[in-house]
Full PDB file with SEQRES, HELIX, SHEET, SSBOND, CRYST1, ORIGX, SCALE, CONECT and MASTER records, all heavy atoms in Angstrom:
SEQRES   1 A   31  VAL ALA VAL VAL TYR ALA PHE VAL ILE GLY LYS PHE TRP          
SEQRES   2 A   31  PHE ARG GLU LEU THR PHE GLY ASP CYS PHE MET ALA LEU          
SEQRES   3 A   31  VAL GLU ALA ALA LYS                                          
HELIX    1 AA1 ALA A    2  VAL A    8  1                                   7    
HELIX    2 AA2 ILE A    9  TRP A   13  3                                   5    
HELIX    3 AA3 PHE A   19  ALA A   30  1                                  12    
CRYST1    1.000    1.000    1.000  90.00  90.00  90.00 P 1           1          
ORIGX1      1.000000  0.000000  0.000000        0.00000                         
ORIGX2      0.000000  1.000000  0.000000        0.00000                         
ORIGX3      0.000000  0.000000  1.000000        0.00000                         
SCALE1      1.000000  0.000000  0.000000        0.00000                         
SCALE2      0.000000  1.000000  0.000000        0.00000                         
SCALE3      0.000000  0.000000  1.000000        0.00000                         
ATOM      1  N   VAL A   1     101.250  78.519 -16.958  1.00  0.00           N  
ATOM      2  CA  VAL A   1     100.183  79.476 -16.697  1.00  0.00           C  
ATOM      3  C   VAL A   1      99.423  79.816 -17.975  1.00  0.00           C  
ATOM      4  O   VAL A   1      98.192  79.937 -17.983  1.00  0.00           O  
ATOM      5  CB  VAL A   1     100.759  80.763 -16.062  1.00  0.00           C  
ATOM      6  CG1 VAL A   1      99.743  81.880 -16.000  1.00  0.00           C  
ATOM      7  CG2 VAL A   1     101.286  80.477 -14.651  1.00  0.00           C  
ATOM      8  N   ALA A   2     100.148  79.943 -19.082  1.00  0.00           N  
ATOM      9  CA  ALA A   2      99.507  80.234 -20.379  1.00  0.00           C  
ATOM     10  C   ALA A   2      98.558  79.105 -20.780  1.00  0.00           C  
ATOM     11  O   ALA A   2      97.477  79.397 -21.354  1.00  0.00           O  
ATOM     12  CB  ALA A   2     100.571  80.469 -21.463  1.00  0.00           C  
ATOM     13  N   VAL A   3      98.943  77.884 -20.487  1.00  0.00           N  
ATOM     14  CA  VAL A   3      98.065  76.731 -20.828  1.00  0.00           C  
ATOM     15  C   VAL A   3      96.763  76.827 -20.013  1.00  0.00           C  
ATOM     16  O   VAL A   3      95.679  76.663 -20.545  1.00  0.00           O  
ATOM     17  CB  VAL A   3      98.785  75.407 -20.546  1.00  0.00           C  
ATOM     18  CG1 VAL A   3      97.801  74.213 -20.643  1.00  0.00           C  
ATOM     19  CG2 VAL A   3      99.905  75.202 -21.554  1.00  0.00           C  
ATOM     20  N   VAL A   4      96.910  77.040 -18.729  1.00  0.00           N  
ATOM     21  CA  VAL A   4      95.707  77.157 -17.860  1.00  0.00           C  
ATOM     22  C   VAL A   4      94.820  78.306 -18.306  1.00  0.00           C  
ATOM     23  O   VAL A   4      93.603  78.187 -18.410  1.00  0.00           O  
ATOM     24  CB  VAL A   4      96.107  77.349 -16.367  1.00  0.00           C  
ATOM     25  CG1 VAL A   4      94.878  77.590 -15.505  1.00  0.00           C  
ATOM     26  CG2 VAL A   4      96.895  76.105 -15.880  1.00  0.00           C  
ATOM     27  N   TYR A   5      95.444  79.442 -18.626  1.00  0.00           N  
ATOM     28  CA  TYR A   5      94.695  80.627 -19.038  1.00  0.00           C  
ATOM     29  C   TYR A   5      93.985  80.364 -20.347  1.00  0.00           C  
ATOM     30  O   TYR A   5      92.817  80.728 -20.506  1.00  0.00           O  
ATOM     31  CB  TYR A   5      95.691  81.777 -19.195  1.00  0.00           C  
ATOM     32  CG  TYR A   5      95.036  83.117 -19.575  1.00  0.00           C  
ATOM     33  CD1 TYR A   5      94.293  83.842 -18.657  1.00  0.00           C  
ATOM     34  CD2 TYR A   5      95.188  83.641 -20.860  1.00  0.00           C  
ATOM     35  CE1 TYR A   5      93.699  85.044 -18.989  1.00  0.00           C  
ATOM     36  CE2 TYR A   5      94.619  84.848 -21.185  1.00  0.00           C  
ATOM     37  CZ  TYR A   5      93.868  85.537 -20.262  1.00  0.00           C  
ATOM     38  OH  TYR A   5      93.277  86.740 -20.616  1.00  0.00           O  
ATOM     39  N   ALA A   6      94.682  79.707 -21.314  1.00  0.00           N  
ATOM     40  CA  ALA A   6      94.056  79.409 -22.588  1.00  0.00           C  
ATOM     41  C   ALA A   6      92.868  78.442 -22.417  1.00  0.00           C  
ATOM     42  O   ALA A   6      91.850  78.617 -23.077  1.00  0.00           O  
ATOM     43  CB  ALA A   6      95.104  78.738 -23.534  1.00  0.00           C  
ATOM     44  N   PHE A   7      93.025  77.485 -21.513  1.00  0.00           N  
ATOM     45  CA  PHE A   7      91.880  76.561 -21.275  1.00  0.00           C  
ATOM     46  C   PHE A   7      90.695  77.306 -20.640  1.00  0.00           C  
ATOM     47  O   PHE A   7      89.557  77.089 -21.067  1.00  0.00           O  
ATOM     48  CB  PHE A   7      92.352  75.448 -20.339  1.00  0.00           C  
ATOM     49  CG  PHE A   7      91.267  74.514 -19.941  1.00  0.00           C  
ATOM     50  CD1 PHE A   7      90.736  73.560 -20.818  1.00  0.00           C  
ATOM     51  CD2 PHE A   7      90.669  74.607 -18.670  1.00  0.00           C  
ATOM     52  CE1 PHE A   7      89.706  72.701 -20.442  1.00  0.00           C  
ATOM     53  CE2 PHE A   7      89.636  73.771 -18.288  1.00  0.00           C  
ATOM     54  CZ  PHE A   7      89.166  72.807 -19.166  1.00  0.00           C  
ATOM     55  N   VAL A   8      90.975  78.116 -19.696  1.00  0.00           N  
ATOM     56  CA  VAL A   8      89.881  78.826 -18.986  1.00  0.00           C  
ATOM     57  C   VAL A   8      89.092  79.743 -19.909  1.00  0.00           C  
ATOM     58  O   VAL A   8      87.861  79.717 -19.928  1.00  0.00           O  
ATOM     59  CB  VAL A   8      90.433  79.613 -17.757  1.00  0.00           C  
ATOM     60  CG1 VAL A   8      89.376  80.539 -17.169  1.00  0.00           C  
ATOM     61  CG2 VAL A   8      90.920  78.642 -16.700  1.00  0.00           C  
ATOM     62  N   ILE A   9      89.811  80.546 -20.709  1.00  0.00           N  
ATOM     63  CA  ILE A   9      89.082  81.467 -21.549  1.00  0.00           C  
ATOM     64  C   ILE A   9      88.380  80.771 -22.711  1.00  0.00           C  
ATOM     65  O   ILE A   9      87.288  81.180 -23.137  1.00  0.00           O  
ATOM     66  CB  ILE A   9      89.992  82.621 -22.070  1.00  0.00           C  
ATOM     67  CG1 ILE A   9      91.059  82.077 -23.034  1.00  0.00           C  
ATOM     68  CG2 ILE A   9      90.583  83.424 -20.957  1.00  0.00           C  
ATOM     69  CD1 ILE A   9      91.841  83.187 -23.713  1.00  0.00           C  
ATOM     70  N   GLY A  10      88.994  79.690 -23.199  1.00  0.00           N  
ATOM     71  CA  GLY A  10      88.348  78.945 -24.290  1.00  0.00           C  
ATOM     72  C   GLY A  10      87.117  78.182 -23.815  1.00  0.00           C  
ATOM     73  O   GLY A  10      86.109  78.091 -24.542  1.00  0.00           O  
ATOM     74  N   LYS A  11      87.222  77.587 -22.638  1.00  0.00           N  
ATOM     75  CA  LYS A  11      86.171  76.748 -22.130  1.00  0.00           C  
ATOM     76  C   LYS A  11      85.071  77.505 -21.415  1.00  0.00           C  
ATOM     77  O   LYS A  11      83.844  77.259 -21.618  1.00  0.00           O  
ATOM     78  CB  LYS A  11      86.760  75.724 -21.139  1.00  0.00           C  
ATOM     79  CG  LYS A  11      85.771  74.713 -20.568  1.00  0.00           C  
ATOM     80  CD  LYS A  11      85.286  73.763 -21.666  1.00  0.00           C  
ATOM     81  CE  LYS A  11      84.353  72.702 -21.032  1.00  0.00           C  
ATOM     82  NZ  LYS A  11      83.787  71.851 -22.086  1.00  0.00           N  
ATOM     83  N   PHE A  12      85.429  78.508 -20.586  1.00  0.00           N  
ATOM     84  CA  PHE A  12      84.428  79.150 -19.742  1.00  0.00           C  
ATOM     85  C   PHE A  12      84.101  80.575 -20.158  1.00  0.00           C  
ATOM     86  O   PHE A  12      83.070  81.107 -19.779  1.00  0.00           O  
ATOM     87  CB  PHE A  12      84.914  79.132 -18.272  1.00  0.00           C  
ATOM     88  CG  PHE A  12      85.183  77.746 -17.769  1.00  0.00           C  
ATOM     89  CD1 PHE A  12      86.488  77.322 -17.555  1.00  0.00           C  
ATOM     90  CD2 PHE A  12      84.128  76.884 -17.520  1.00  0.00           C  
ATOM     91  CE1 PHE A  12      86.719  76.032 -17.082  1.00  0.00           C  
ATOM     92  CE2 PHE A  12      84.353  75.606 -17.052  1.00  0.00           C  
ATOM     93  CZ  PHE A  12      85.671  75.154 -16.827  1.00  0.00           C  
ATOM     94  N   TRP A  13      85.020  81.271 -20.897  1.00  0.00           N  
ATOM     95  CA  TRP A  13      84.745  82.641 -21.302  1.00  0.00           C  
ATOM     96  C   TRP A  13      84.087  82.669 -22.677  1.00  0.00           C  
ATOM     97  O   TRP A  13      83.000  83.142 -22.840  1.00  0.00           O  
ATOM     98  CB  TRP A  13      86.026  83.463 -21.284  1.00  0.00           C  
ATOM     99  CG  TRP A  13      85.852  84.917 -21.575  1.00  0.00           C  
ATOM    100  CD1 TRP A  13      85.907  85.524 -22.795  1.00  0.00           C  
ATOM    101  CD2 TRP A  13      85.532  85.950 -20.661  1.00  0.00           C  
ATOM    102  NE1 TRP A  13      85.674  86.857 -22.697  1.00  0.00           N  
ATOM    103  CE2 TRP A  13      85.428  87.157 -21.369  1.00  0.00           C  
ATOM    104  CE3 TRP A  13      85.359  86.001 -19.242  1.00  0.00           C  
ATOM    105  CZ2 TRP A  13      85.147  88.395 -20.765  1.00  0.00           C  
ATOM    106  CZ3 TRP A  13      85.071  87.206 -18.678  1.00  0.00           C  
ATOM    107  CH2 TRP A  13      84.967  88.386 -19.439  1.00  0.00           C  
ATOM    108  N   PHE A  14      84.782  82.098 -23.683  1.00  0.00           N  
ATOM    109  CA  PHE A  14      84.222  82.033 -25.029  1.00  0.00           C  
ATOM    110  C   PHE A  14      83.279  80.865 -25.197  1.00  0.00           C  
ATOM    111  O   PHE A  14      82.420  80.862 -26.083  1.00  0.00           O  
ATOM    112  CB  PHE A  14      85.340  81.906 -26.058  1.00  0.00           C  
ATOM    113  CG  PHE A  14      86.233  83.124 -26.156  1.00  0.00           C  
ATOM    114  CD1 PHE A  14      87.571  82.990 -26.399  1.00  0.00           C  
ATOM    115  CD2 PHE A  14      85.707  84.415 -25.964  1.00  0.00           C  
ATOM    116  CE1 PHE A  14      88.417  84.114 -26.486  1.00  0.00           C  
ATOM    117  CE2 PHE A  14      86.522  85.515 -26.037  1.00  0.00           C  
ATOM    118  CZ  PHE A  14      87.894  85.367 -26.293  1.00  0.00           C  
ATOM    119  N   ARG A  15      83.438  79.813 -24.380  1.00  0.00           N  
ATOM    120  CA  ARG A  15      82.589  78.607 -24.377  1.00  0.00           C  
ATOM    121  C   ARG A  15      82.589  77.936 -25.755  1.00  0.00           C  
ATOM    122  O   ARG A  15      81.560  77.434 -26.197  1.00  0.00           O  
ATOM    123  CB  ARG A  15      81.154  78.988 -23.964  1.00  0.00           C  
ATOM    124  CG  ARG A  15      81.052  79.516 -22.549  1.00  0.00           C  
ATOM    125  CD  ARG A  15      79.640  79.825 -22.147  1.00  0.00           C  
ATOM    126  NE  ARG A  15      79.581  80.306 -20.756  1.00  0.00           N  
ATOM    127  CZ  ARG A  15      78.477  80.648 -20.131  1.00  0.00           C  
ATOM    128  NH1 ARG A  15      77.308  80.504 -20.777  1.00  0.00           N  
ATOM    129  NH2 ARG A  15      78.502  81.072 -18.919  1.00  0.00           N  
ATOM    130  N   GLU A  16      83.733  77.896 -26.378  1.00  0.00           N  
ATOM    131  CA  GLU A  16      83.879  77.235 -27.672  1.00  0.00           C  
ATOM    132  C   GLU A  16      84.814  76.032 -27.617  1.00  0.00           C  
ATOM    133  O   GLU A  16      84.871  75.252 -28.547  1.00  0.00           O  
ATOM    134  CB  GLU A  16      84.374  78.214 -28.745  1.00  0.00           C  
ATOM    135  CG  GLU A  16      83.391  79.341 -29.028  1.00  0.00           C  
ATOM    136  CD  GLU A  16      83.857  80.217 -30.199  1.00  0.00           C  
ATOM    137  OE1 GLU A  16      84.725  79.759 -30.983  1.00  0.00           O  
ATOM    138  OE2 GLU A  16      83.377  81.339 -30.279  1.00  0.00           O  
ATOM    139  N   LEU A  17      85.560  75.881 -26.533  1.00  0.00           N  
ATOM    140  CA  LEU A  17      86.546  74.810 -26.438  1.00  0.00           C  
ATOM    141  C   LEU A  17      85.878  73.577 -25.804  1.00  0.00           C  
ATOM    142  O   LEU A  17      85.414  73.626 -24.679  1.00  0.00           O  
ATOM    143  CB  LEU A  17      87.716  75.300 -25.554  1.00  0.00           C  
ATOM    144  CG  LEU A  17      88.926  74.359 -25.483  1.00  0.00           C  
ATOM    145  CD1 LEU A  17      89.620  74.277 -26.829  1.00  0.00           C  
ATOM    146  CD2 LEU A  17      89.904  74.858 -24.425  1.00  0.00           C  
ATOM    147  N   THR A  18      85.878  72.495 -26.572  1.00  0.00           N  
ATOM    148  CA  THR A  18      85.337  71.252 -26.041  1.00  0.00           C  
ATOM    149  C   THR A  18      86.460  70.336 -25.556  1.00  0.00           C  
ATOM    150  O   THR A  18      87.638  70.577 -25.828  1.00  0.00           O  
ATOM    151  CB  THR A  18      84.562  70.481 -27.156  1.00  0.00           C  
ATOM    152  OG1 THR A  18      85.472  70.073 -28.179  1.00  0.00           O  
ATOM    153  CG2 THR A  18      83.510  71.398 -27.783  1.00  0.00           C  
ATOM    154  N   PHE A  19      86.049  69.271 -24.840  1.00  0.00           N  
ATOM    155  CA  PHE A  19      87.097  68.360 -24.367  1.00  0.00           C  
ATOM    156  C   PHE A  19      87.725  67.593 -25.536  1.00  0.00           C  
ATOM    157  O   PHE A  19      88.863  67.167 -25.472  1.00  0.00           O  
ATOM    158  CB  PHE A  19      86.489  67.385 -23.326  1.00  0.00           C  
ATOM    159  CG  PHE A  19      86.242  68.034 -22.006  1.00  0.00           C  
ATOM    160  CD1 PHE A  19      84.931  68.289 -21.569  1.00  0.00           C  
ATOM    161  CD2 PHE A  19      87.289  68.464 -21.211  1.00  0.00           C  
ATOM    162  CE1 PHE A  19      84.704  68.883 -20.332  1.00  0.00           C  
ATOM    163  CE2 PHE A  19      87.064  69.044 -19.965  1.00  0.00           C  
ATOM    164  CZ  PHE A  19      85.791  69.287 -19.545  1.00  0.00           C  
ATOM    165  N   GLY A  20      86.943  67.406 -26.620  1.00  0.00           N  
ATOM    166  CA  GLY A  20      87.509  66.817 -27.807  1.00  0.00           C  
ATOM    167  C   GLY A  20      88.590  67.730 -28.420  1.00  0.00           C  
ATOM    168  O   GLY A  20      89.652  67.228 -28.873  1.00  0.00           O  
ATOM    169  N   ASP A  21      88.337  69.048 -28.385  1.00  0.00           N  
ATOM    170  CA  ASP A  21      89.372  70.001 -28.846  1.00  0.00           C  
ATOM    171  C   ASP A  21      90.586  69.907 -27.982  1.00  0.00           C  
ATOM    172  O   ASP A  21      91.716  70.013 -28.462  1.00  0.00           O  
ATOM    173  CB  ASP A  21      88.776  71.415 -28.793  1.00  0.00           C  
ATOM    174  CG  ASP A  21      87.710  71.672 -29.838  1.00  0.00           C  
ATOM    175  OD1 ASP A  21      87.784  71.039 -30.900  1.00  0.00           O  
ATOM    176  OD2 ASP A  21      86.805  72.483 -29.567  1.00  0.00           O  
ATOM    177  N   CYS A  22      90.383  69.776 -26.665  1.00  0.00           N  
ATOM    178  CA  CYS A  22      91.543  69.680 -25.737  1.00  0.00           C  
ATOM    179  C   CYS A  22      92.372  68.461 -26.053  1.00  0.00           C  
ATOM    180  O   CYS A  22      93.609  68.508 -26.043  1.00  0.00           O  
ATOM    181  CB  CYS A  22      91.042  69.607 -24.299  1.00  0.00           C  
ATOM    182  SG  CYS A  22      90.262  71.141 -23.728  1.00  0.00           S  
ATOM    183  N   PHE A  23      91.708  67.357 -26.352  1.00  0.00           N  
ATOM    184  CA  PHE A  23      92.462  66.115 -26.689  1.00  0.00           C  
ATOM    185  C   PHE A  23      93.277  66.315 -27.960  1.00  0.00           C  
ATOM    186  O   PHE A  23      94.497  65.966 -27.997  1.00  0.00           O  
ATOM    187  CB  PHE A  23      91.506  64.951 -26.872  1.00  0.00           C  
ATOM    188  CG  PHE A  23      92.156  63.671 -27.332  1.00  0.00           C  
ATOM    189  CD1 PHE A  23      92.868  62.891 -26.425  1.00  0.00           C  
ATOM    190  CD2 PHE A  23      92.098  63.290 -28.634  1.00  0.00           C  
ATOM    191  CE1 PHE A  23      93.524  61.736 -26.827  1.00  0.00           C  
ATOM    192  CE2 PHE A  23      92.730  62.109 -29.061  1.00  0.00           C  
ATOM    193  CZ  PHE A  23      93.447  61.362 -28.163  1.00  0.00           C  
ATOM    194  N   MET A  24      92.678  66.903 -29.009  1.00  0.00           N  
ATOM    195  CA  MET A  24      93.398  67.141 -30.239  1.00  0.00           C  
ATOM    196  C   MET A  24      94.532  68.147 -30.045  1.00  0.00           C  
ATOM    197  O   MET A  24      95.574  68.030 -30.663  1.00  0.00           O  
ATOM    198  CB  MET A  24      92.427  67.610 -31.343  1.00  0.00           C  
ATOM    199  CG  MET A  24      91.434  66.562 -31.812  1.00  0.00           C  
ATOM    200  SD  MET A  24      92.239  65.007 -32.271  1.00  0.00           S  
ATOM    201  CE  MET A  24      93.316  65.557 -33.589  1.00  0.00           C  
ATOM    202  N   ALA A  25      94.301  69.125 -29.164  1.00  0.00           N  
ATOM    203  CA  ALA A  25      95.361  70.111 -28.872  1.00  0.00           C  
ATOM    204  C   ALA A  25      96.531  69.420 -28.213  1.00  0.00           C  
ATOM    205  O   ALA A  25      97.691  69.722 -28.534  1.00  0.00           O  
ATOM    206  CB  ALA A  25      94.797  71.210 -27.951  1.00  0.00           C  
ATOM    207  N   LEU A  26      96.260  68.462 -27.289  1.00  0.00           N  
ATOM    208  CA  LEU A  26      97.312  67.719 -26.643  1.00  0.00           C  
ATOM    209  C   LEU A  26      98.123  66.894 -27.662  1.00  0.00           C  
ATOM    210  O   LEU A  26      99.344  66.827 -27.617  1.00  0.00           O  
ATOM    211  CB  LEU A  26      96.751  66.827 -25.586  1.00  0.00           C  
ATOM    212  CG  LEU A  26      96.306  67.499 -24.278  1.00  0.00           C  
ATOM    213  CD1 LEU A  26      95.443  66.533 -23.423  1.00  0.00           C  
ATOM    214  CD2 LEU A  26      97.547  67.954 -23.479  1.00  0.00           C  
ATOM    215  N   VAL A  27      97.375  66.282 -28.614  1.00  0.00           N  
ATOM    216  CA  VAL A  27      98.051  65.461 -29.635  1.00  0.00           C  
ATOM    217  C   VAL A  27      98.988  66.303 -30.507  1.00  0.00           C  
ATOM    218  O   VAL A  27     100.127  65.968 -30.750  1.00  0.00           O  
ATOM    219  CB  VAL A  27      96.983  64.716 -30.486  1.00  0.00           C  
ATOM    220  CG1 VAL A  27      97.673  64.071 -31.697  1.00  0.00           C  
ATOM    221  CG2 VAL A  27      96.245  63.692 -29.673  1.00  0.00           C  
ATOM    222  N   GLU A  28      98.431  67.429 -30.984  1.00  0.00           N  
ATOM    223  CA  GLU A  28      99.228  68.312 -31.871  1.00  0.00           C  
ATOM    224  C   GLU A  28     100.418  68.947 -31.135  1.00  0.00           C  
ATOM    225  O   GLU A  28     101.492  69.065 -31.701  1.00  0.00           O  
ATOM    226  CB  GLU A  28      98.338  69.400 -32.472  1.00  0.00           C  
ATOM    227  CG  GLU A  28      97.288  68.901 -33.424  1.00  0.00           C  
ATOM    228  CD  GLU A  28      97.882  68.137 -34.601  1.00  0.00           C  
ATOM    229  OE1 GLU A  28      98.926  68.584 -35.143  1.00  0.00           O  
ATOM    230  OE2 GLU A  28      97.376  67.050 -34.957  1.00  0.00           O  
ATOM    231  N   ALA A  29     100.167  69.333 -29.893  1.00  0.00           N  
ATOM    232  CA  ALA A  29     101.285  69.887 -29.087  1.00  0.00           C  
ATOM    233  C   ALA A  29     102.353  68.855 -28.835  1.00  0.00           C  
ATOM    234  O   ALA A  29     103.567  69.176 -28.857  1.00  0.00           O  
ATOM    235  CB  ALA A  29     100.737  70.427 -27.733  1.00  0.00           C  
ATOM    236  N   ALA A  30     101.952  67.608 -28.584  1.00  0.00           N  
ATOM    237  CA  ALA A  30     102.924  66.547 -28.404  1.00  0.00           C  
ATOM    238  C   ALA A  30     103.747  66.304 -29.654  1.00  0.00           C  
ATOM    239  O   ALA A  30     105.006  66.117 -29.592  1.00  0.00           O  
ATOM    240  CB  ALA A  30     102.216  65.232 -27.998  1.00  0.00           C  
ATOM    241  N   LYS A  31     103.118  66.335 -30.825  1.00  0.00           N  
ATOM    242  CA  LYS A  31     103.825  66.180 -32.092  1.00  0.00           C  
ATOM    243  C   LYS A  31     104.832  67.324 -32.294  1.00  0.00           C  
ATOM    244  O   LYS A  31     106.012  67.071 -32.629  1.00  0.00           O  
ATOM    245  CB  LYS A  31     102.852  66.168 -33.257  1.00  0.00           C  
ATOM    246  CG  LYS A  31     101.983  64.921 -33.359  1.00  0.00           C  
ATOM    247  CD  LYS A  31     101.032  65.046 -34.576  1.00  0.00           C  
ATOM    248  CE  LYS A  31     100.125  63.829 -34.677  1.00  0.00           C  
ATOM    249  NZ  LYS A  31      99.167  63.987 -35.822  1.00  0.00           N  
TER     250      LYS A  31                                                      
MASTER        0    0    0    3    0    0    0    6  249    1    0    3          
END                                                                             
């Protein structure tokens, strides 16, 4: 739920989260 919430507020509320950011977030989280 925290992941979904973080994506929603970053992408649609603050409008600063790009799909490129999401990809890099996935990479860093995987590491």
